[in-house]
C-alpha cells in the first residue's frame, strides 16, 4: 500500500473512500506516480494496487457510482459497454432532449452516443473519434449537447 496515495483520502459515511487530491472536471481523482511525470486516474491506481494491471481494453468502473471513490472493494474491471449497462440498470442515465433524433443519415446509435458521453474525461476526444469512426469536431458537438449523432 502506497502511504502517499492513501494520505490523500478520507472515509465517507457510505463506505466510499473519497479522493481528496487533484481531480478532473468529471470528478475522477488524479494521482501523480512518484518518480515519473505520469498522472493516473486515482481509482485505477487503487484497483491496480490490489488486483494488478487492468486487462487491455477494460476500464475500472465504480459499483458505488462515485467518481471520487477509491475503495478497492467498490471497483471492478469492465468494458465501456459494461459501464453503460451498469448505469442503465441503476437508472442513472440522464436523457436530455437531443437534436436530430430521427436523422436517417446518422452514423451513431443512441447507445454509442451514451457510451461516448460515459467516457468523457476518461478518453480524449481524438481517441473517442477514432473509436467511433467520426471526426473530433463531431465528438465535441456531442459532448456539448449540440448534436446527438454524426451525420454523413
N, C-alpha and C. Protein backbone atom coordinates (compact mmCIF):
# COMPACT_ATOMS: atom_id res chain seq x y z
N UNK A 1 0.86 -1.19 0.00
CA UNK A 1 0.00 0.00 0.00
C UNK A 1 0.90 1.24 0.00
N UNK A 2 0.58 2.16 -0.86
CA UNK A 2 1.36 3.39 -1.00
C UNK A 2 0.84 4.44 -0.01
N UNK A 3 1.61 4.76 1.03
CA UNK A 3 1.13 5.71 2.04
C UNK A 3 0.86 7.10 1.46
N UNK A 4 1.65 7.52 0.46
CA UNK A 4 1.42 8.84 -0.14
C UNK A 4 0.06 8.89 -0.83
N UNK A 5 -0.31 7.81 -1.52
CA UNK A 5 -1.62 7.74 -2.18
C UNK A 5 -2.74 7.79 -1.13
N UNK A 6 -2.68 6.92 -0.14
CA UNK A 6 -3.76 6.80 0.83
C UNK A 6 -3.86 8.00 1.77
N UNK A 7 -2.78 8.81 1.87
CA UNK A 7 -2.85 10.03 2.69
C UNK A 7 -3.74 11.08 2.05
N UNK A 8 -4.09 10.90 0.78
CA UNK A 8 -4.93 11.85 0.05
C UNK A 8 -6.39 11.39 0.02
N UNK A 9 -6.78 10.56 1.00
CA UNK A 9 -8.14 10.02 1.04
C UNK A 9 -8.76 10.22 2.42
N UNK A 10 -10.06 10.08 2.47
CA UNK A 10 -10.78 10.10 3.74
C UNK A 10 -11.98 9.16 3.62
N UNK A 11 -12.37 8.58 4.74
CA UNK A 11 -13.53 7.69 4.75
C UNK A 11 -14.80 8.51 4.62
N UNK A 12 -15.72 8.02 3.83
CA UNK A 12 -17.03 8.66 3.67
C UNK A 12 -18.06 7.76 4.35
N UNK A 13 -19.16 8.32 4.77
CA UNK A 13 -20.18 7.59 5.51
C UNK A 13 -20.83 6.45 4.77
N UNK A 14 -20.75 6.44 3.45
CA UNK A 14 -21.44 5.43 2.65
C UNK A 14 -20.54 4.25 2.28
N UNK A 15 -19.38 4.13 2.94
CA UNK A 15 -18.44 3.05 2.62
C UNK A 15 -17.42 3.43 1.57
N UNK A 16 -17.64 4.54 0.93
CA UNK A 16 -16.67 5.01 -0.06
C UNK A 16 -15.44 5.56 0.65
N UNK A 17 -14.33 5.52 -0.06
CA UNK A 17 -13.12 6.19 0.38
C UNK A 17 -12.91 7.32 -0.61
N UNK A 18 -13.09 8.54 -0.15
CA UNK A 18 -13.11 9.71 -1.03
C UNK A 18 -11.70 10.22 -1.32
N UNK A 19 -11.41 10.44 -2.59
CA UNK A 19 -10.14 11.01 -3.04
C UNK A 19 -10.17 12.51 -2.79
N UNK A 20 -9.15 13.03 -2.09
CA UNK A 20 -9.08 14.46 -1.75
C UNK A 20 -8.09 15.22 -2.62
N UNK A 21 -7.29 14.51 -3.40
CA UNK A 21 -6.26 15.15 -4.23
C UNK A 21 -6.85 15.77 -5.49
N UNK A 22 -5.97 16.05 -6.43
CA UNK A 22 -6.36 16.67 -7.70
C UNK A 22 -7.41 15.80 -8.40
N UNK A 23 -8.25 16.46 -9.20
CA UNK A 23 -9.28 15.70 -9.91
C UNK A 23 -9.60 16.36 -11.24
N UNK A 24 -10.22 15.58 -12.10
CA UNK A 24 -10.70 16.07 -13.39
C UNK A 24 -12.04 16.78 -13.18
N UNK A 25 -12.49 17.50 -14.19
CA UNK A 25 -13.79 18.18 -14.13
C UNK A 25 -14.93 17.20 -13.81
N UNK A 26 -14.81 15.99 -14.36
CA UNK A 26 -15.86 14.99 -14.16
C UNK A 26 -15.84 14.39 -12.75
N UNK A 27 -14.85 14.77 -11.93
CA UNK A 27 -14.79 14.31 -10.56
C UNK A 27 -13.81 13.18 -10.30
N UNK A 28 -13.28 12.56 -11.34
CA UNK A 28 -12.33 11.47 -11.16
C UNK A 28 -11.01 12.01 -10.63
N UNK A 29 -10.47 11.36 -9.60
CA UNK A 29 -9.22 11.79 -8.99
C UNK A 29 -8.02 11.50 -9.88
N UNK A 30 -6.98 12.31 -9.70
CA UNK A 30 -5.71 12.13 -10.41
C UNK A 30 -4.60 11.97 -9.39
N UNK A 31 -3.72 11.01 -9.63
CA UNK A 31 -2.59 10.75 -8.75
C UNK A 31 -1.32 10.76 -9.58
N UNK A 32 -0.33 11.56 -9.14
CA UNK A 32 0.95 11.59 -9.84
C UNK A 32 1.84 10.50 -9.26
N UNK A 33 2.26 9.59 -10.12
CA UNK A 33 3.10 8.48 -9.71
C UNK A 33 4.50 9.01 -9.40
N UNK A 34 5.00 8.73 -8.20
CA UNK A 34 6.30 9.23 -7.76
C UNK A 34 7.40 8.79 -8.71
N UNK A 35 8.33 9.71 -8.98
CA UNK A 35 9.47 9.39 -9.84
C UNK A 35 9.16 9.42 -11.31
N UNK A 36 7.93 9.77 -11.67
CA UNK A 36 7.56 9.86 -13.09
C UNK A 36 6.84 11.18 -13.31
N UNK A 37 6.59 11.47 -14.54
CA UNK A 37 5.79 12.65 -14.88
C UNK A 37 4.37 12.23 -15.22
N UNK A 38 4.03 11.02 -14.85
CA UNK A 38 2.76 10.44 -15.24
C UNK A 38 1.69 10.62 -14.18
N UNK A 39 0.50 11.05 -14.63
CA UNK A 39 -0.69 11.06 -13.78
C UNK A 39 -1.52 9.85 -14.15
N UNK A 40 -2.17 9.28 -13.16
CA UNK A 40 -3.05 8.14 -13.40
C UNK A 40 -4.36 8.43 -12.67
N UNK A 41 -5.45 7.93 -13.20
CA UNK A 41 -6.73 8.08 -12.51
C UNK A 41 -6.62 7.39 -11.16
N UNK A 42 -7.03 8.08 -10.10
CA UNK A 42 -6.85 7.57 -8.74
C UNK A 42 -7.55 6.23 -8.53
N UNK A 43 -8.76 6.08 -9.06
CA UNK A 43 -9.47 4.82 -8.86
C UNK A 43 -8.79 3.68 -9.62
N UNK A 44 -8.18 4.00 -10.74
CA UNK A 44 -7.43 2.98 -11.50
C UNK A 44 -6.19 2.56 -10.71
N UNK A 45 -5.50 3.54 -10.11
CA UNK A 45 -4.32 3.23 -9.30
C UNK A 45 -4.71 2.32 -8.14
N UNK A 46 -5.81 2.66 -7.46
CA UNK A 46 -6.27 1.86 -6.32
C UNK A 46 -6.61 0.44 -6.77
N UNK A 47 -7.28 0.32 -7.90
CA UNK A 47 -7.63 -1.01 -8.43
C UNK A 47 -6.37 -1.82 -8.70
N UNK A 48 -5.41 -1.21 -9.42
CA UNK A 48 -4.20 -1.94 -9.79
C UNK A 48 -3.35 -2.30 -8.58
N UNK A 49 -3.41 -1.49 -7.55
CA UNK A 49 -2.66 -1.78 -6.33
C UNK A 49 -3.13 -3.10 -5.71
N UNK A 50 -4.42 -3.37 -5.79
CA UNK A 50 -4.97 -4.58 -5.17
C UNK A 50 -5.07 -5.76 -6.14
N UNK A 51 -5.53 -5.49 -7.37
CA UNK A 51 -5.86 -6.57 -8.29
C UNK A 51 -4.84 -6.77 -9.42
N UNK A 52 -3.90 -5.84 -9.57
CA UNK A 52 -2.93 -5.94 -10.66
C UNK A 52 -3.38 -5.14 -11.86
N UNK A 53 -2.63 -5.24 -12.96
CA UNK A 53 -2.93 -4.43 -14.15
C UNK A 53 -4.34 -4.66 -14.69
N UNK A 54 -4.92 -3.59 -15.20
CA UNK A 54 -6.24 -3.67 -15.82
C UNK A 54 -6.07 -4.35 -17.18
N UNK A 55 -6.85 -5.39 -17.46
CA UNK A 55 -6.72 -6.06 -18.76
C UNK A 55 -6.92 -5.08 -19.92
N UNK A 56 -6.21 -5.33 -21.01
CA UNK A 56 -6.29 -4.47 -22.19
C UNK A 56 -7.75 -4.33 -22.65
N UNK A 57 -8.12 -3.10 -22.96
CA UNK A 57 -9.47 -2.82 -23.44
C UNK A 57 -10.52 -2.69 -22.36
N UNK A 58 -10.12 -2.84 -21.11
CA UNK A 58 -11.06 -2.77 -19.99
C UNK A 58 -10.89 -1.45 -19.26
N UNK A 59 -11.89 -1.09 -18.51
CA UNK A 59 -11.91 0.13 -17.72
C UNK A 59 -12.12 -0.25 -16.25
N UNK A 60 -11.79 0.67 -15.37
CA UNK A 60 -12.09 0.46 -13.96
C UNK A 60 -13.38 1.22 -13.66
N UNK A 61 -14.41 0.50 -13.25
CA UNK A 61 -15.74 1.05 -13.03
C UNK A 61 -16.05 1.07 -11.53
N UNK A 62 -17.00 1.91 -11.16
CA UNK A 62 -17.41 2.06 -9.76
C UNK A 62 -18.76 1.38 -9.51
N UNK A 63 -18.82 0.48 -8.55
CA UNK A 63 -20.11 -0.08 -8.14
C UNK A 63 -20.95 0.98 -7.43
N UNK A 64 -20.27 1.93 -6.78
CA UNK A 64 -20.94 2.95 -5.97
C UNK A 64 -21.33 4.19 -6.77
N UNK A 65 -20.92 4.26 -8.02
CA UNK A 65 -21.24 5.41 -8.89
C UNK A 65 -20.67 6.73 -8.38
N UNK A 66 -19.60 6.66 -7.60
CA UNK A 66 -18.96 7.86 -7.06
C UNK A 66 -17.59 8.00 -7.70
N UNK A 67 -17.42 8.96 -8.63
CA UNK A 67 -16.14 9.07 -9.34
C UNK A 67 -14.94 9.36 -8.44
N UNK A 68 -15.16 9.93 -7.26
CA UNK A 68 -14.06 10.22 -6.33
C UNK A 68 -13.71 9.02 -5.44
N UNK A 69 -14.49 7.96 -5.50
CA UNK A 69 -14.26 6.82 -4.62
C UNK A 69 -13.07 5.99 -5.10
N UNK A 70 -12.18 5.64 -4.13
CA UNK A 70 -11.03 4.78 -4.43
C UNK A 70 -11.07 3.51 -3.56
N UNK A 71 -12.23 3.21 -2.98
CA UNK A 71 -12.38 1.98 -2.20
C UNK A 71 -12.23 0.81 -3.16
N UNK A 72 -11.21 0.00 -2.94
CA UNK A 72 -10.91 -1.09 -3.85
C UNK A 72 -12.05 -2.10 -3.96
N UNK A 73 -12.85 -2.21 -2.92
CA UNK A 73 -13.99 -3.14 -2.95
C UNK A 73 -15.15 -2.58 -3.78
N UNK A 74 -15.13 -1.31 -4.10
CA UNK A 74 -16.18 -0.69 -4.91
C UNK A 74 -15.82 -0.69 -6.40
N UNK A 75 -14.62 -1.16 -6.74
CA UNK A 75 -14.13 -1.06 -8.11
C UNK A 75 -14.16 -2.42 -8.81
N UNK A 76 -14.44 -2.40 -10.12
CA UNK A 76 -14.40 -3.63 -10.91
C UNK A 76 -13.94 -3.29 -12.32
N UNK A 77 -13.33 -4.26 -12.97
CA UNK A 77 -12.90 -4.08 -14.36
C UNK A 77 -14.06 -4.45 -15.27
N UNK A 78 -14.30 -3.62 -16.27
CA UNK A 78 -15.36 -3.89 -17.22
C UNK A 78 -15.14 -3.10 -18.49
N UNK A 79 -15.88 -3.45 -19.51
CA UNK A 79 -15.81 -2.71 -20.77
C UNK A 79 -16.62 -1.43 -20.65
N UNK A 80 -16.45 -0.54 -21.62
CA UNK A 80 -17.26 0.67 -21.64
C UNK A 80 -18.75 0.29 -21.71
N UNK A 81 -19.05 -0.75 -22.45
CA UNK A 81 -20.44 -1.21 -22.56
C UNK A 81 -20.95 -1.70 -21.20
N UNK A 82 -20.10 -2.43 -20.46
CA UNK A 82 -20.49 -2.88 -19.11
C UNK A 82 -20.83 -1.67 -18.24
N UNK A 83 -20.02 -0.63 -18.35
CA UNK A 83 -20.22 0.56 -17.54
C UNK A 83 -21.54 1.25 -17.89
N UNK A 84 -21.84 1.33 -19.19
CA UNK A 84 -23.09 1.95 -19.63
C UNK A 84 -24.27 1.10 -19.17
N UNK A 85 -24.16 -0.24 -19.30
CA UNK A 85 -25.24 -1.13 -18.86
C UNK A 85 -25.48 -0.99 -17.36
N UNK A 86 -24.38 -0.86 -16.58
CA UNK A 86 -24.49 -0.65 -15.14
C UNK A 86 -25.25 0.64 -14.85
N UNK A 87 -24.93 1.69 -15.60
CA UNK A 87 -25.60 2.98 -15.44
C UNK A 87 -27.10 2.85 -15.73
N UNK A 88 -27.43 2.12 -16.80
CA UNK A 88 -28.83 1.96 -17.19
C UNK A 88 -29.58 1.13 -16.13
N UNK A 89 -28.96 0.04 -15.65
CA UNK A 89 -29.60 -0.81 -14.64
C UNK A 89 -29.88 -0.05 -13.36
N UNK A 90 -29.01 0.89 -13.02
CA UNK A 90 -29.17 1.66 -11.78
C UNK A 90 -30.01 2.92 -12.00
N UNK A 91 -30.54 3.05 -13.21
CA UNK A 91 -31.39 4.18 -13.57
C UNK A 91 -30.69 5.53 -13.34
N UNK A 92 -29.40 5.59 -13.68
CA UNK A 92 -28.63 6.83 -13.56
C UNK A 92 -28.57 7.58 -14.87
N UNK A 93 -29.09 7.01 -15.93
CA UNK A 93 -28.99 7.62 -17.24
C UNK A 93 -29.85 8.88 -17.29
N UNK A 94 -29.21 9.99 -17.65
CA UNK A 94 -29.91 11.25 -17.81
C UNK A 94 -30.06 11.49 -19.30
N UNK A 95 -31.29 11.56 -19.74
CA UNK A 95 -31.53 11.76 -21.17
C UNK A 95 -31.99 13.19 -21.39
N UNK A 96 -31.16 13.93 -22.08
CA UNK A 96 -31.51 15.31 -22.43
C UNK A 96 -32.13 15.29 -23.82
N UNK A 97 -33.02 16.22 -24.10
CA UNK A 97 -33.54 16.29 -25.47
C UNK A 97 -32.37 16.55 -26.42
N UNK A 98 -32.29 15.76 -27.46
CA UNK A 98 -31.18 15.89 -28.39
C UNK A 98 -31.72 16.16 -29.80
N UNK A 99 -31.03 17.07 -30.53
CA UNK A 99 -31.47 17.34 -31.89
C UNK A 99 -31.21 16.14 -32.79
N UNK A 100 -31.87 16.14 -33.93
CA UNK A 100 -31.66 15.14 -34.98
C UNK A 100 -32.00 13.72 -34.55
N UNK A 101 -32.98 13.56 -33.66
CA UNK A 101 -33.33 12.23 -33.16
C UNK A 101 -33.69 11.27 -34.30
N UNK A 102 -34.29 11.77 -35.35
CA UNK A 102 -34.73 10.87 -36.41
C UNK A 102 -33.95 11.05 -37.70
N UNK A 103 -32.75 11.56 -37.63
CA UNK A 103 -31.94 11.80 -38.82
C UNK A 103 -31.58 10.46 -39.47
N UNK A 104 -32.03 10.21 -40.70
CA UNK A 104 -31.75 8.93 -41.35
C UNK A 104 -30.28 8.77 -41.74
N UNK A 105 -29.52 9.88 -41.75
CA UNK A 105 -28.10 9.80 -42.12
C UNK A 105 -27.18 9.63 -40.92
N UNK A 106 -27.74 9.47 -39.75
CA UNK A 106 -26.92 9.37 -38.54
C UNK A 106 -26.01 8.15 -38.60
N UNK A 107 -24.76 8.34 -38.14
CA UNK A 107 -23.78 7.25 -38.15
C UNK A 107 -23.67 6.56 -36.80
N UNK A 108 -24.16 7.18 -35.75
CA UNK A 108 -24.04 6.61 -34.40
C UNK A 108 -25.41 6.28 -33.85
N UNK A 109 -25.46 5.19 -33.10
CA UNK A 109 -26.71 4.82 -32.43
C UNK A 109 -26.82 5.58 -31.12
N UNK A 110 -28.00 5.56 -30.52
CA UNK A 110 -28.20 6.17 -29.20
C UNK A 110 -27.24 5.56 -28.18
N UNK A 111 -27.08 4.23 -28.23
CA UNK A 111 -26.18 3.54 -27.29
C UNK A 111 -24.74 4.05 -27.45
N UNK A 112 -24.29 4.23 -28.69
CA UNK A 112 -22.92 4.70 -28.92
C UNK A 112 -22.73 6.11 -28.38
N UNK A 113 -23.73 6.96 -28.54
CA UNK A 113 -23.65 8.32 -28.02
C UNK A 113 -23.58 8.29 -26.49
N UNK A 114 -24.41 7.46 -25.87
CA UNK A 114 -24.37 7.33 -24.41
C UNK A 114 -23.02 6.80 -23.94
N UNK A 115 -22.50 5.81 -24.65
CA UNK A 115 -21.19 5.26 -24.30
C UNK A 115 -20.11 6.33 -24.43
N UNK A 116 -20.19 7.12 -25.52
CA UNK A 116 -19.22 8.19 -25.72
C UNK A 116 -19.27 9.19 -24.57
N UNK A 117 -20.47 9.57 -24.18
CA UNK A 117 -20.61 10.53 -23.08
C UNK A 117 -20.15 9.94 -21.75
N UNK A 118 -20.34 8.63 -21.57
CA UNK A 118 -19.89 7.97 -20.34
C UNK A 118 -18.36 7.96 -20.25
N UNK A 119 -17.69 8.05 -21.39
CA UNK A 119 -16.22 8.02 -21.44
C UNK A 119 -15.61 9.41 -21.36
N UNK A 120 -16.45 10.44 -21.19
CA UNK A 120 -15.95 11.82 -21.07
C UNK A 120 -14.97 11.89 -19.90
N UNK A 121 -13.82 12.46 -20.13
CA UNK A 121 -12.82 12.60 -19.09
C UNK A 121 -11.93 11.38 -18.92
N UNK A 122 -12.34 10.27 -19.52
CA UNK A 122 -11.54 9.05 -19.44
C UNK A 122 -10.71 8.90 -20.71
N UNK A 123 -11.30 9.24 -21.85
CA UNK A 123 -10.60 9.19 -23.13
C UNK A 123 -10.59 10.58 -23.74
N UNK A 124 -9.58 10.87 -24.54
CA UNK A 124 -9.53 12.15 -25.24
C UNK A 124 -10.58 12.16 -26.35
N UNK A 125 -10.92 13.36 -26.82
CA UNK A 125 -11.88 13.44 -27.92
C UNK A 125 -11.30 12.80 -29.18
N UNK A 126 -10.00 12.92 -29.37
CA UNK A 126 -9.37 12.28 -30.54
C UNK A 126 -9.52 10.76 -30.45
N UNK A 127 -9.29 10.19 -29.27
CA UNK A 127 -9.42 8.74 -29.09
C UNK A 127 -10.88 8.31 -29.29
N UNK A 128 -11.82 9.11 -28.78
CA UNK A 128 -13.24 8.79 -28.98
C UNK A 128 -13.60 8.84 -30.47
N UNK A 129 -13.10 9.84 -31.17
CA UNK A 129 -13.38 9.97 -32.61
C UNK A 129 -12.88 8.74 -33.36
N UNK A 130 -11.68 8.30 -33.03
CA UNK A 130 -11.12 7.11 -33.69
C UNK A 130 -11.93 5.88 -33.34
N UNK A 131 -12.29 5.75 -32.08
CA UNK A 131 -13.04 4.58 -31.63
C UNK A 131 -14.40 4.46 -32.33
N UNK A 132 -15.08 5.60 -32.51
CA UNK A 132 -16.43 5.57 -33.06
C UNK A 132 -16.50 5.92 -34.55
N UNK A 133 -15.35 6.22 -35.16
CA UNK A 133 -15.32 6.47 -36.60
C UNK A 133 -15.96 7.77 -37.02
N UNK A 134 -15.83 8.80 -36.19
CA UNK A 134 -16.35 10.13 -36.53
C UNK A 134 -15.23 11.15 -36.33
N UNK A 135 -15.47 12.39 -36.72
CA UNK A 135 -14.48 13.44 -36.55
C UNK A 135 -14.46 14.00 -35.14
N UNK A 136 -13.35 14.63 -34.77
CA UNK A 136 -13.22 15.20 -33.43
C UNK A 136 -14.22 16.34 -33.22
N UNK A 137 -14.53 17.09 -34.28
CA UNK A 137 -15.49 18.18 -34.12
C UNK A 137 -16.88 17.62 -33.80
N UNK A 138 -17.20 16.45 -34.36
CA UNK A 138 -18.49 15.82 -34.06
C UNK A 138 -18.52 15.34 -32.62
N UNK A 139 -17.42 14.77 -32.14
CA UNK A 139 -17.34 14.34 -30.74
C UNK A 139 -17.55 15.55 -29.83
N UNK A 140 -16.92 16.66 -30.18
CA UNK A 140 -17.05 17.89 -29.39
C UNK A 140 -18.51 18.34 -29.34
N UNK A 141 -19.20 18.32 -30.49
CA UNK A 141 -20.61 18.73 -30.52
C UNK A 141 -21.47 17.79 -29.67
N UNK A 142 -21.18 16.49 -29.73
CA UNK A 142 -21.94 15.53 -28.94
C UNK A 142 -21.73 15.79 -27.45
N UNK A 143 -20.50 16.05 -27.06
CA UNK A 143 -20.20 16.30 -25.64
C UNK A 143 -20.85 17.58 -25.14
N UNK A 144 -20.98 18.58 -26.01
CA UNK A 144 -21.63 19.84 -25.62
C UNK A 144 -23.15 19.77 -25.72
N UNK A 145 -23.68 18.65 -26.19
CA UNK A 145 -25.14 18.50 -26.31
C UNK A 145 -25.71 19.21 -27.53
N UNK A 146 -24.84 19.60 -28.46
CA UNK A 146 -25.31 20.30 -29.66
C UNK A 146 -25.70 19.32 -30.75
N UNK A 147 -25.26 18.08 -30.62
CA UNK A 147 -25.58 17.08 -31.62
C UNK A 147 -25.67 15.74 -30.94
N UNK A 148 -26.63 14.95 -31.32
CA UNK A 148 -26.76 13.63 -30.75
C UNK A 148 -26.02 12.61 -31.58
N UNK A 149 -26.08 12.76 -32.88
CA UNK A 149 -25.49 11.79 -33.77
C UNK A 149 -24.66 12.49 -34.84
N UNK A 150 -23.74 11.76 -35.38
CA UNK A 150 -22.95 12.26 -36.51
C UNK A 150 -23.76 12.07 -37.77
N UNK A 151 -23.68 13.02 -38.67
CA UNK A 151 -24.38 12.89 -39.94
C UNK A 151 -23.38 12.78 -41.07
N UNK A 152 -23.78 12.13 -42.13
CA UNK A 152 -22.90 11.92 -43.28
C UNK A 152 -22.74 13.20 -44.06
